[in-house]
Amino acid sequence: MTMLKYIFFLFLCCTIVSLKAQYTLFGRSGSISYDKTMYMKNIVSKKFIAKADNNSKTFFEQVLPKLPENAVLKKTLKFNSNETLFEPVKNDNLDQMVKQYIMMFALDFEAITLSNMTTRSFQRYNDIVGEKIIVEDTMKRIKWKITDEYREIAGYNCRRANGLTTDSIYVIGYYCNEIPVSGGPESINGLPGMILGLVVPSQHVSYFATKVELSNDVPMDKQRFEKSKVKRMTRKSMTDQISGVLSQHMNKETVQFIMELGNM
C-alpha cells in the first residue's frame, strides 16, 4: 500500500511538472512589452518635405536638423486566448521636444486598441486634442505569406511572414509558435502565433518585443470602452473626419500617410 501511495505521489508530481512545462512552452495569456521605433528624419524628409508645397517645405526643412534619427515609444500588449489589449506606456525618458514633434506631425495618437479574435471585433480608444473617440469596426484582414527566415526576439525563435493589408500596406511580421494567439501590435493579426516583431517599411516604423511575461491571470482595463458618452464611429468615419481637418494644413498624400499610420 505504501508503495502504491509512493507511485501515485510520483505520478502526481510528474503530471504537475508536465502541465507547467506545457504552459511555459505554449503560453496563451500574459503581457508583452514593445519598443515602437519611429525613424523621424526619414518620416519628415520622405513623407512631409518631399510632398510639401513651398511654404510648408521651408518650415519642415528648418525642423529636420532638430529631429533625432529615431524616437522610441513604449507599448504593452496584454493577451489571453480570445482578446488582446494594446496600449501606450508612460515614458519619462523621452525628450520633451521629441514628444512635441510627434504630436505636431500626428505620428502617434497614444491610442488603446482592444481586439477580440473570436468575434473579429475591434475597438480603438483615441483622445485627439481633448476629443474622445472610440472606433468600432472589424479586425483587419491581412494576406500573409510565411517564409523560411527566422530571428530571435525577446528570447523566442520567430518566423518571418510578409503581409499585405486590405488598404495595400506591406508589412513584415515575426511570429512565435510558442504563444499560439493570433494577435500582435496595434491591430495586426492573423498569423499562427503571436507577432513579436512588426516592420512597416512604407511608414518607417517598427515594433519589437523586449520582454514577454506569461501569466494565468492578466487583468485588462476595458473601462474606457464601456463609457456611454464617448463618440463612436467606424474606421472610415474617423478617417474622413480627421482627414478633413488635416487637409486644411497638409497635402493629400501626407494626410493619407498620417491616417494609414493612425489606422495601423
Protein backbone atom coordinates (compact mmCIF):
# COMPACT_ATOMS: atom_id res chain seq x y z
CA MET A 1 0.00 0.00 0.00
CA THR A 2 2.81 2.35 0.89
CA MET A 3 4.45 1.59 -2.45
CA LEU A 4 1.21 2.41 -4.30
CA LYS A 5 0.97 5.75 -2.48
CA TYR A 6 4.57 6.49 -3.39
CA ILE A 7 3.96 5.66 -7.06
CA PHE A 8 0.80 7.80 -7.06
CA PHE A 9 2.71 10.69 -5.50
CA LEU A 10 5.42 10.46 -8.16
CA PHE A 11 2.78 10.32 -10.89
CA LEU A 12 1.05 13.41 -9.48
CA CYS A 13 4.34 15.34 -9.31
CA CYS A 14 5.22 14.42 -12.88
CA THR A 15 1.77 15.50 -14.07
CA ILE A 16 2.09 18.91 -12.40
CA VAL A 17 5.57 19.44 -13.83
CA SER A 18 4.33 18.39 -17.26
CA LEU A 19 1.40 20.80 -17.13
CA LYS A 20 3.69 23.64 -16.05
CA ALA A 21 6.09 22.82 -18.87
CA GLN A 22 3.25 22.82 -21.39
CA TYR A 23 2.08 26.21 -20.10
CA THR A 24 5.61 27.59 -20.36
CA LEU A 25 6.02 26.18 -23.85
CA PHE A 26 2.60 27.28 -25.10
CA GLY A 27 1.57 30.45 -23.28
CA ARG A 28 -1.97 31.57 -24.02
CA SER A 29 -2.07 34.60 -21.73
CA GLY A 30 0.37 37.20 -20.49
CA SER A 31 1.81 40.59 -21.35
CA ILE A 32 4.41 41.75 -23.86
CA SER A 33 6.49 44.93 -23.77
CA TYR A 34 7.26 46.50 -27.16
CA ASP A 35 9.53 49.25 -28.42
CA LYS A 36 7.83 51.22 -31.18
CA THR A 37 10.60 52.88 -33.18
CA MET A 38 9.74 55.76 -35.49
CA TYR A 39 12.50 56.83 -37.85
CA MET A 40 11.85 60.55 -37.50
CA LYS A 41 14.25 62.01 -40.07
CA ASN A 42 13.11 59.53 -42.73
CA ILE A 43 9.45 60.24 -41.99
CA VAL A 44 9.79 64.02 -42.18
CA SER A 45 12.08 64.07 -45.22
CA LYS A 46 10.18 61.48 -47.27
CA LYS A 47 6.59 61.96 -46.13
CA PHE A 48 6.45 65.67 -45.35
CA ILE A 49 9.23 67.59 -47.13
CA ALA A 50 9.05 65.57 -50.36
CA LYS A 51 5.27 66.12 -50.59
CA ALA A 52 5.01 69.70 -49.29
CA ASP A 53 4.33 72.95 -51.11
CA ASN A 54 6.97 75.69 -50.96
CA ASN A 55 5.71 77.36 -47.77
CA SER A 56 5.38 74.15 -45.76
CA LYS A 57 8.57 72.73 -47.24
CA THR A 58 10.66 75.59 -45.84
CA PHE A 59 9.22 75.03 -42.37
CA PHE A 60 9.80 71.26 -42.47
CA GLU A 61 13.37 71.74 -43.70
CA GLN A 62 14.05 74.01 -40.72
CA VAL A 63 12.68 71.37 -38.33
CA LEU A 64 14.57 68.42 -39.85
CA PRO A 65 18.04 69.14 -38.31
CA LYS A 66 16.45 69.34 -34.85
CA LEU A 67 15.00 65.84 -35.06
CA PRO A 68 16.68 62.67 -33.77
CA GLU A 69 17.26 59.83 -36.22
CA ASN A 70 14.59 57.86 -34.39
CA ALA A 71 12.27 58.04 -31.40
CA VAL A 72 11.28 55.03 -29.29
CA LEU A 73 7.85 54.79 -27.68
CA LYS A 74 6.99 52.14 -25.10
CA LYS A 75 3.92 49.98 -25.65
CA THR A 76 2.43 46.94 -23.96
CA LEU A 77 0.16 44.14 -25.18
CA LYS A 78 -1.95 42.14 -22.71
CA PHE A 79 -3.46 39.00 -24.14
CA ASN A 80 -5.43 35.82 -23.50
CA SER A 81 -6.89 33.18 -25.80
CA ASN A 82 -9.62 35.49 -27.06
CA GLU A 83 -8.53 39.11 -26.65
CA THR A 84 -5.60 41.49 -26.89
CA LEU A 85 -5.27 44.96 -25.37
CA PHE A 86 -2.55 47.16 -26.87
CA GLU A 87 -1.78 50.41 -25.06
CA PRO A 88 0.91 53.07 -24.55
CA VAL A 89 3.26 53.12 -21.58
CA LYS A 90 4.31 56.39 -19.99
CA ASN A 91 7.94 57.09 -20.87
CA ASP A 92 9.57 59.85 -18.81
CA ASN A 93 12.87 59.30 -20.63
CA LEU A 94 11.52 60.57 -23.94
CA ASP A 95 12.76 64.08 -24.66
CA GLN A 96 10.02 66.68 -24.26
CA MET A 97 10.86 68.35 -27.57
CA VAL A 98 10.61 65.00 -29.37
CA LYS A 99 7.18 64.48 -27.80
CA GLN A 100 6.08 67.83 -29.19
CA TYR A 101 7.29 66.95 -32.68
CA ILE A 102 5.46 63.61 -32.52
CA MET A 103 2.27 65.49 -31.62
CA MET A 104 2.87 68.19 -34.23
CA PHE A 105 3.31 65.66 -37.04
CA ALA A 106 0.46 63.47 -35.64
CA LEU A 107 2.73 60.41 -35.66
CA ASP A 108 1.22 58.69 -32.61
CA PHE A 109 -2.23 59.22 -31.09
CA GLU A 110 -1.45 57.12 -27.98
CA ALA A 111 -4.48 55.01 -28.86
CA ILE A 112 -5.64 51.98 -26.86
CA THR A 113 -6.71 49.04 -29.01
CA LEU A 114 -8.94 46.15 -27.92
CA SER A 115 -9.28 43.23 -30.32
CA ASN A 116 -11.44 40.12 -29.96
CA MET A 117 -10.14 37.22 -32.05
CA THR A 118 -13.33 35.18 -31.55
CA THR A 119 -15.82 37.77 -32.80
CA ARG A 120 -13.25 39.56 -35.03
CA SER A 121 -14.35 42.84 -33.42
CA PHE A 122 -12.03 45.80 -32.99
CA GLN A 123 -12.24 48.86 -30.74
CA ARG A 124 -9.76 51.72 -30.53
CA TYR A 125 -9.93 54.49 -27.95
CA ASN A 126 -8.47 57.81 -29.10
CA ASP A 127 -8.07 61.08 -27.26
CA ILE A 128 -7.38 63.53 -30.07
CA VAL A 129 -6.77 67.06 -28.82
CA GLY A 130 -9.24 66.50 -25.99
CA GLU A 131 -11.92 64.83 -28.13
CA LYS A 132 -12.52 61.24 -27.05
CA ILE A 133 -13.45 58.83 -29.83
CA ILE A 134 -13.96 55.07 -29.91
CA VAL A 135 -13.53 53.45 -33.30
CA GLU A 136 -15.62 50.28 -33.60
CA ASP A 137 -15.06 48.05 -36.60
CA THR A 138 -13.93 44.60 -37.66
CA MET A 139 -10.33 43.45 -37.29
CA LYS A 140 -8.06 43.98 -40.28
CA ARG A 141 -7.71 41.05 -42.65
CA ILE A 142 -4.16 40.58 -43.86
CA LYS A 143 -2.90 38.29 -46.60
CA TRP A 144 0.20 36.59 -45.20
CA LYS A 145 2.93 34.59 -46.91
CA ILE A 146 5.08 32.68 -44.42
CA THR A 147 8.80 32.42 -45.24
CA ASP A 148 11.68 30.23 -44.03
CA GLU A 149 13.50 33.15 -42.39
CA TYR A 150 13.87 33.16 -38.60
CA ARG A 151 15.19 35.57 -35.98
CA GLU A 152 15.26 35.65 -32.20
CA ILE A 153 13.10 38.28 -30.49
CA ALA A 154 12.83 38.61 -26.70
CA GLY A 155 14.18 35.08 -26.28
CA TYR A 156 11.75 33.48 -28.74
CA ASN A 157 12.51 31.95 -32.13
CA CYS A 158 10.29 33.86 -34.54
CA ARG A 159 9.39 33.12 -38.13
CA ARG A 160 9.02 35.82 -40.75
CA ALA A 161 5.85 36.39 -42.74
CA ASN A 162 5.22 39.04 -45.40
CA GLY A 163 1.76 40.56 -45.38
CA LEU A 164 -0.49 42.91 -47.31
CA THR A 165 -3.34 44.73 -45.57
CA THR A 166 -6.70 45.45 -47.20
CA ASP A 167 -5.53 49.03 -47.80
CA SER A 168 -2.44 47.70 -49.64
CA ILE A 169 0.17 48.38 -46.96
CA TYR A 170 3.11 45.97 -46.97
CA VAL A 171 4.03 44.67 -43.51
CA ILE A 172 6.61 42.23 -42.18
CA GLY A 173 5.65 40.16 -39.15
CA TYR A 174 7.77 37.87 -36.97
CA TYR A 175 5.62 35.42 -35.00
CA CYS A 176 6.37 32.67 -32.49
CA ASN A 177 4.58 29.32 -32.28
CA GLU A 178 5.20 29.15 -28.52
CA ILE A 179 2.46 31.73 -27.99
CA PRO A 180 -0.47 30.34 -30.04
CA VAL A 181 -2.52 33.54 -30.02
CA SER A 182 -3.22 35.18 -33.38
CA GLY A 183 -2.53 38.75 -32.26
CA GLY A 184 0.13 41.43 -32.44
CA PRO A 185 0.92 45.14 -32.11
CA GLU A 186 -1.84 47.66 -32.92
CA SER A 187 -4.49 45.73 -34.89
CA ILE A 188 -2.12 43.49 -36.87
CA ASN A 189 -3.18 39.83 -36.61
CA GLY A 190 -3.81 36.62 -38.50
CA LEU A 191 -0.63 34.57 -38.06
CA PRO A 192 -0.47 31.16 -36.31
CA GLY A 193 1.30 32.70 -33.30
CA MET A 194 1.85 35.99 -31.51
CA ILE A 195 3.63 38.67 -33.54
CA LEU A 196 6.69 39.78 -31.55
CA GLY A 197 8.22 41.82 -34.37
CA LEU A 198 6.49 44.07 -36.89
CA VAL A 199 8.04 46.29 -39.57
CA VAL A 200 6.08 48.70 -41.78
CA PRO A 201 8.64 49.90 -44.37
CA SER A 202 6.44 52.49 -46.09
CA GLN A 203 5.71 54.20 -42.78
CA HIS A 204 9.27 54.00 -41.41
CA VAL A 205 8.11 52.38 -38.17
CA SER A 206 8.79 49.09 -36.38
CA TYR A 207 7.63 47.27 -33.27
CA PHE A 208 9.82 44.73 -31.46
CA ALA A 209 9.13 42.91 -28.22
CA THR A 210 11.65 43.46 -25.44
CA LYS A 211 10.04 41.31 -22.75
CA VAL A 212 7.41 38.56 -22.61
CA GLU A 213 5.72 37.60 -19.35
CA LEU A 214 3.36 34.62 -19.34
CA SER A 215 0.69 34.53 -16.65
CA ASN A 216 -2.58 32.74 -15.88
CA ASP A 217 -4.33 35.93 -14.80
CA VAL A 218 -3.86 39.08 -16.87
CA PRO A 219 -6.23 41.92 -15.95
CA MET A 220 -7.39 44.07 -18.85
CA ASP A 221 -8.74 47.54 -18.13
CA LYS A 222 -11.70 47.96 -20.50
CA GLN A 223 -13.44 50.80 -18.67
CA ARG A 224 -12.72 53.33 -21.41
CA PHE A 225 -14.65 51.22 -23.90
CA GLU A 226 -17.69 50.97 -21.64
CA LYS A 227 -18.35 54.72 -21.34
CA SER A 228 -21.67 55.57 -22.97
CA LYS A 229 -20.98 59.27 -23.61
CA VAL A 230 -17.90 58.76 -25.78
CA LYS A 231 -18.43 59.33 -29.51
CA ARG A 232 -18.34 56.08 -31.51
CA MET A 233 -17.67 55.71 -35.22
CA THR A 234 -16.30 53.31 -37.81
CA ARG A 235 -12.71 53.35 -39.00
CA LYS A 236 -13.79 55.04 -42.24
CA SER A 237 -15.84 57.70 -40.45
CA MET A 238 -12.93 58.63 -38.21
CA THR A 239 -10.56 58.73 -41.18
CA ASP A 240 -12.91 61.03 -43.10
CA GLN A 241 -13.37 63.35 -40.13
CA ILE A 242 -9.69 63.74 -39.21
CA SER A 243 -8.61 63.88 -42.85
CA GLY A 244 -10.95 66.81 -43.36
CA VAL A 245 -9.25 68.74 -40.57
CA LEU A 246 -5.68 67.85 -41.57
CA SER A 247 -6.33 68.63 -45.24
CA GLN A 248 -6.66 72.29 -44.33
CA HIS A 249 -2.96 72.34 -43.45
CA MET A 250 -1.37 69.45 -45.37
CA ASN A 251 -1.45 67.95 -48.84
CA LYS A 252 -3.45 64.84 -49.65
CA GLU A 253 -0.51 62.39 -49.71
CA THR A 254 0.80 63.48 -46.30
CA VAL A 255 -2.69 63.24 -44.79
CA GLN A 256 -3.04 59.75 -46.24
CA PHE A 257 0.27 58.74 -44.63
CA ILE A 258 -0.85 60.04 -41.22
CA MET A 259 -4.19 58.22 -41.43
CA GLU A 260 -2.57 54.96 -42.52
CA LEU A 261 -0.22 55.25 -39.56
CA GLY A 262 -3.12 56.01 -37.22
CA ASN A 263 -5.21 53.13 -38.54
CA MET A 264 -2.44 50.52 -38.33
